[in-house]
């Protein structure tokens, strides 16, 4: 009886094993969720190929580039360039013509050619001298009077009027120049301004200044005197433009 059942049990076991093997090699594709990427599996191959959809939903394109967060933009964005002023913002305006200076329309610094660091100023005593330091009394206006000029201070004094340069006698000593109330009828205040043979210094014309035959020149002591020409040559001066004159013009 036992011998007759043994073949039957063996056949049953073999059938169960074959059924299990068939289930494990099922190649039917697994169901996919709606909207997911379809997956194709090749039986017996070592690779599987996945194809991603380019649209997640109808009419909507998925951008493959992931946008950076606002914080990343702030960290990576280069700062705006600082506008550097051009050369035209710090350039100096063109110098006024000699005609505008000699017409009394500009205020000028009077600079002796032989003393490159000094300018003509009026000291506390009212005398004309030189300085190479800061000053508020070194601007003048050359006002025509006939064929000569009054040399006026560019700023009015305490009485509301400018002063004029004029010669002063000092006995046997050399003439000096001092500031005094303007008076075109006083010969010592009228100066001849003559260009010196086309000479230039720093691109500016060079002039001599004289009144009544006495020429203004730098003395050996570094001051300014006026004397007739002898063995000493007249000092040359240039006029450095410092903007429009603010003194009232005749007839204003």
Protein backbone atom coordinates (compact mmCIF):
# COMPACT_ATOMS: atom_id res chain seq x y z
CA UNK A 1 0.00 0.00 0.00
CA UNK A 2 2.81 2.39 0.87
CA UNK A 3 4.62 1.55 -2.35
CA UNK A 4 1.59 2.44 -4.45
CA UNK A 5 1.31 5.97 -2.85
CA UNK A 6 4.95 6.90 -3.18
CA UNK A 7 4.91 7.62 -6.94
CA UNK A 8 1.78 9.70 -6.54
CA UNK A 9 3.30 11.91 -3.82
CA UNK A 10 6.48 12.38 -5.87
CA UNK A 11 4.51 13.46 -8.93
CA UNK A 12 2.53 15.95 -6.85
CA UNK A 13 5.72 17.54 -5.45
CA UNK A 14 7.19 17.95 -8.91
CA UNK A 15 4.03 19.66 -10.15
CA UNK A 16 4.06 22.14 -7.28
CA UNK A 17 7.72 23.03 -7.95
CA UNK A 18 7.05 23.63 -11.62
CA UNK A 19 4.09 25.87 -10.82
CA UNK A 20 6.17 28.02 -8.41
CA UNK A 21 8.91 28.44 -11.01
CA UNK A 22 6.44 29.60 -13.63
CA UNK A 23 5.03 32.26 -11.27
CA UNK A 24 8.49 33.65 -10.47
CA UNK A 25 9.35 34.17 -14.16
CA UNK A 26 6.18 36.05 -15.12
CA UNK A 27 7.15 38.84 -17.56
CA UNK A 28 3.88 40.69 -17.64
CA UNK A 29 4.34 44.43 -16.88
CA UNK A 30 3.29 45.67 -13.48
CA UNK A 31 0.39 48.13 -13.48
CA UNK A 32 1.48 51.77 -13.36
CA UNK A 33 -0.14 54.60 -11.54
CA UNK A 34 -1.82 57.24 -13.70
CA UNK A 35 0.60 60.03 -14.74
CA UNK A 36 3.76 58.06 -13.93
CA UNK A 37 6.50 57.31 -16.46
CA UNK A 38 6.01 54.03 -18.36
CA UNK A 39 8.73 51.46 -17.72
CA UNK A 40 9.74 48.81 -20.30
CA UNK A 41 11.53 45.67 -19.05
CA UNK A 42 13.49 43.42 -21.41
CA UNK A 43 13.45 39.77 -20.33
CA UNK A 44 16.86 38.25 -19.99
CA UNK A 45 18.73 41.59 -20.43
CA UNK A 46 20.96 43.19 -17.79
CA UNK A 47 19.61 46.76 -18.35
CA UNK A 48 16.21 48.40 -17.95
CA UNK A 49 15.33 51.52 -19.89
CA UNK A 50 13.16 54.27 -18.37
CA UNK A 51 11.65 57.01 -20.51
CA UNK A 52 10.59 60.17 -18.65
CA UNK A 53 7.63 62.12 -19.93
CA UNK A 54 8.30 65.75 -20.94
CA UNK A 55 4.92 66.84 -19.76
CA UNK A 56 3.57 66.14 -16.33
CA UNK A 57 0.08 67.25 -17.17
CA UNK A 58 -1.63 68.18 -20.40
CA UNK A 59 -0.30 71.55 -21.80
CA UNK A 60 2.32 72.03 -19.05
CA UNK A 61 6.07 71.74 -19.86
CA UNK A 62 8.40 70.65 -17.13
CA UNK A 63 11.60 72.76 -16.97
CA UNK A 64 14.62 70.56 -16.44
CA UNK A 65 16.53 73.42 -14.78
CA UNK A 66 15.74 73.76 -11.13
CA UNK A 67 15.26 77.45 -10.17
CA UNK A 68 17.53 78.79 -7.46
CA UNK A 69 16.00 79.93 -4.24
CA UNK A 70 15.79 83.71 -3.47
CA UNK A 71 18.54 83.27 -0.98
CA UNK A 72 20.84 81.82 -3.65
CA UNK A 73 20.17 84.80 -5.97
CA UNK A 74 21.15 87.25 -3.25
CA UNK A 75 24.33 85.37 -2.50
CA UNK A 76 25.48 84.88 -6.11
CA UNK A 77 24.28 88.05 -7.83
CA UNK A 78 27.18 90.45 -8.51
CA UNK A 79 26.78 93.91 -6.91
CA UNK A 80 25.91 96.76 -9.33
CA UNK A 81 28.92 98.58 -10.74
CA UNK A 82 29.74 101.85 -9.03
CA UNK A 83 29.62 104.72 -11.45
CA UNK A 84 32.96 106.29 -11.59
CA UNK A 85 32.96 109.68 -12.52
CA UNK A 86 34.42 110.35 -15.94
CA UNK A 87 37.19 112.45 -16.63
CA UNK A 88 34.71 115.25 -17.68
CA UNK A 89 33.27 115.41 -13.99
CA UNK A 90 36.77 116.43 -12.44
CA UNK A 91 38.21 118.42 -15.49
CA UNK A 92 38.84 122.14 -15.12
CA UNK A 93 36.98 124.57 -17.41
CA UNK A 94 38.83 126.21 -20.30
CA UNK A 95 40.77 129.31 -19.27
CA UNK A 96 39.26 132.65 -20.22
CA UNK A 97 40.75 134.52 -23.13
CA UNK A 98 43.22 137.34 -22.54
CA UNK A 99 40.62 139.70 -23.96
CA UNK A 100 38.05 138.78 -21.29
CA UNK A 101 40.68 139.24 -18.56
CA UNK A 102 41.83 142.63 -19.84
CA UNK A 103 38.22 143.77 -20.28
CA UNK A 104 37.59 143.44 -16.55
CA UNK A 105 35.16 140.55 -16.88
CA UNK A 106 37.28 138.00 -14.99
CA UNK A 107 38.93 137.93 -11.59
CA UNK A 108 42.54 136.84 -11.63
CA UNK A 109 45.55 135.92 -9.54
CA UNK A 110 48.64 137.97 -10.49
CA UNK A 111 51.66 135.69 -10.56
CA UNK A 112 55.29 136.81 -11.03
CA UNK A 113 57.06 134.57 -13.53
CA UNK A 114 60.39 134.51 -11.66
CA UNK A 115 58.79 133.34 -8.41
CA UNK A 116 56.94 130.18 -9.36
CA UNK A 117 55.38 129.51 -5.94
CA UNK A 118 54.35 133.07 -5.06
CA UNK A 119 51.38 135.29 -5.94
CA UNK A 120 50.67 138.98 -5.48
CA UNK A 121 48.54 139.85 -2.42
CA UNK A 122 47.68 142.82 -0.21
CA UNK A 123 49.04 142.44 3.32
CA UNK A 124 47.38 143.58 6.55
CA UNK A 125 49.02 147.03 6.21
CA UNK A 126 47.50 147.51 2.75
CA UNK A 127 50.80 147.07 0.88
CA UNK A 128 51.27 144.92 -2.18
CA UNK A 129 53.56 141.97 -1.48
CA UNK A 130 54.07 138.30 -2.28
CA UNK A 131 52.99 135.15 -0.51
CA UNK A 132 53.14 131.45 -1.18
CA UNK A 133 50.52 130.57 1.43
CA UNK A 134 46.72 130.69 1.58
CA UNK A 135 45.15 134.13 1.35
CA UNK A 136 41.81 135.85 0.83
CA UNK A 137 43.33 139.03 -0.63
CA UNK A 138 44.95 137.74 -3.79
CA UNK A 139 42.21 138.23 -6.40
CA UNK A 140 42.08 141.28 -8.67
CA UNK A 141 40.03 142.69 -11.55
CA UNK A 142 41.75 144.57 -14.38
CA UNK A 143 39.30 147.37 -15.22
CA UNK A 144 39.99 149.36 -18.42
CA UNK A 145 40.28 153.13 -18.18
CA UNK A 146 41.18 154.56 -21.56
CA UNK A 147 44.25 152.71 -22.78
CA UNK A 148 45.32 151.84 -19.24
CA UNK A 149 43.84 149.87 -16.34
CA UNK A 150 42.75 150.23 -12.75
CA UNK A 151 43.79 147.15 -10.79
CA UNK A 152 40.93 146.61 -8.37
CA UNK A 153 40.50 144.17 -5.52
CA UNK A 154 38.01 141.49 -6.55
CA UNK A 155 36.10 141.88 -3.30
CA UNK A 156 34.58 145.01 -1.88
CA UNK A 157 35.94 146.39 1.40
CA UNK A 158 34.13 147.39 4.55
CA UNK A 159 32.58 150.41 2.84
CA UNK A 160 31.10 148.26 0.09
CA UNK A 161 33.59 149.45 -2.55
CA UNK A 162 36.70 147.74 -3.93
CA UNK A 163 40.15 149.23 -3.47
CA UNK A 164 42.62 150.04 -6.24
CA UNK A 165 46.37 149.55 -6.40
CA UNK A 166 48.44 152.73 -6.60
CA UNK A 167 52.03 153.91 -6.31
CA UNK A 168 53.27 155.37 -3.05
CA UNK A 169 56.39 157.52 -2.68
CA UNK A 170 58.77 156.75 0.18
CA UNK A 171 61.29 159.60 0.14
CA UNK A 172 64.59 158.39 -1.18
CA UNK A 173 63.50 154.76 -1.06
CA UNK A 174 61.90 152.89 -3.90
CA UNK A 175 58.26 153.36 -4.75
CA UNK A 176 55.90 150.79 -3.33
CA UNK A 177 52.32 149.83 -4.20
CA UNK A 178 49.42 150.03 -1.79
CA UNK A 179 45.65 149.65 -1.81
CA UNK A 180 43.67 152.91 -1.72
CA UNK A 181 40.18 154.13 -2.60
CA UNK A 182 39.72 153.97 -6.37
CA UNK A 183 40.32 157.26 -8.20
CA UNK A 184 40.84 157.10 -11.95
CA UNK A 185 42.02 160.72 -11.86
CA UNK A 186 45.04 159.78 -9.77
CA UNK A 187 47.90 159.01 -12.13
CA UNK A 188 49.54 156.54 -9.74
CA UNK A 189 46.50 154.22 -10.01
CA UNK A 190 46.52 153.90 -13.78
CA UNK A 191 48.71 151.02 -14.99
CA UNK A 192 49.95 150.16 -18.44
CA UNK A 193 49.73 146.40 -19.08
CA UNK A 194 52.05 145.45 -21.91
CA UNK A 195 52.73 142.00 -23.27
CA UNK A 196 56.42 141.06 -23.25
CA UNK A 197 57.44 140.11 -26.79
CA UNK A 198 55.05 137.20 -27.11
CA UNK A 199 56.50 135.44 -24.06
CA UNK A 200 54.45 132.79 -22.27
CA UNK A 201 54.65 130.98 -18.94
CA UNK A 202 52.48 127.96 -18.27
CA UNK A 203 50.68 128.62 -21.53
CA UNK A 204 49.71 132.15 -20.46
CA UNK A 205 50.91 135.47 -21.90
CA UNK A 206 53.51 137.38 -19.87
CA UNK A 207 52.95 141.10 -19.16
CA UNK A 208 54.81 143.99 -17.57
CA UNK A 209 52.97 146.37 -15.21
CA UNK A 210 53.99 150.02 -15.04
CA UNK A 211 52.65 153.39 -13.97
CA UNK A 212 54.25 156.73 -14.84
CA UNK A 213 57.38 155.04 -16.17
CA UNK A 214 57.92 153.02 -12.96
CA UNK A 215 57.72 149.26 -13.48
CA UNK A 216 56.50 146.83 -10.89
CA UNK A 217 59.12 144.22 -10.03
CA UNK A 218 60.15 141.75 -7.34
CA UNK A 219 62.77 143.23 -5.01
CA UNK A 220 65.80 141.47 -3.63
CA UNK A 221 64.02 141.10 -0.30
CA UNK A 222 61.15 139.21 -1.91
CA UNK A 223 58.67 142.09 -1.83
CA UNK A 224 57.32 144.28 -4.63
CA UNK A 225 58.62 147.71 -5.59
CA UNK A 226 58.15 150.06 -8.55
CA UNK A 227 61.07 151.80 -10.25
CA UNK A 228 62.25 153.06 -13.58
CA UNK A 229 64.06 150.57 -15.72
CA UNK A 230 67.84 150.69 -15.44
CA UNK A 231 70.12 147.76 -15.10
CA UNK A 232 67.24 145.67 -13.77
CA UNK A 233 64.69 144.24 -16.17
CA UNK A 234 61.00 144.50 -15.50
CA UNK A 235 59.38 141.53 -13.79
CA UNK A 236 57.00 139.55 -15.98
CA UNK A 237 53.55 138.64 -14.63
CA UNK A 238 50.87 136.23 -15.74
CA UNK A 239 47.15 136.45 -14.96
CA UNK A 240 45.59 133.22 -13.71
CA UNK A 241 41.87 133.15 -14.38
CA UNK A 242 39.69 132.50 -11.31
CA UNK A 243 36.19 132.88 -12.71
CA UNK A 244 33.82 135.67 -13.60
CA UNK A 245 34.28 139.01 -11.85
CA UNK A 246 31.53 139.78 -9.35
CA UNK A 247 32.16 143.55 -9.11
CA UNK A 248 29.41 145.72 -10.63
CA UNK A 249 30.23 146.88 -14.14
CA UNK A 250 30.08 150.56 -15.05
CA UNK A 251 26.45 151.42 -15.75
CA UNK A 252 24.99 148.50 -13.70
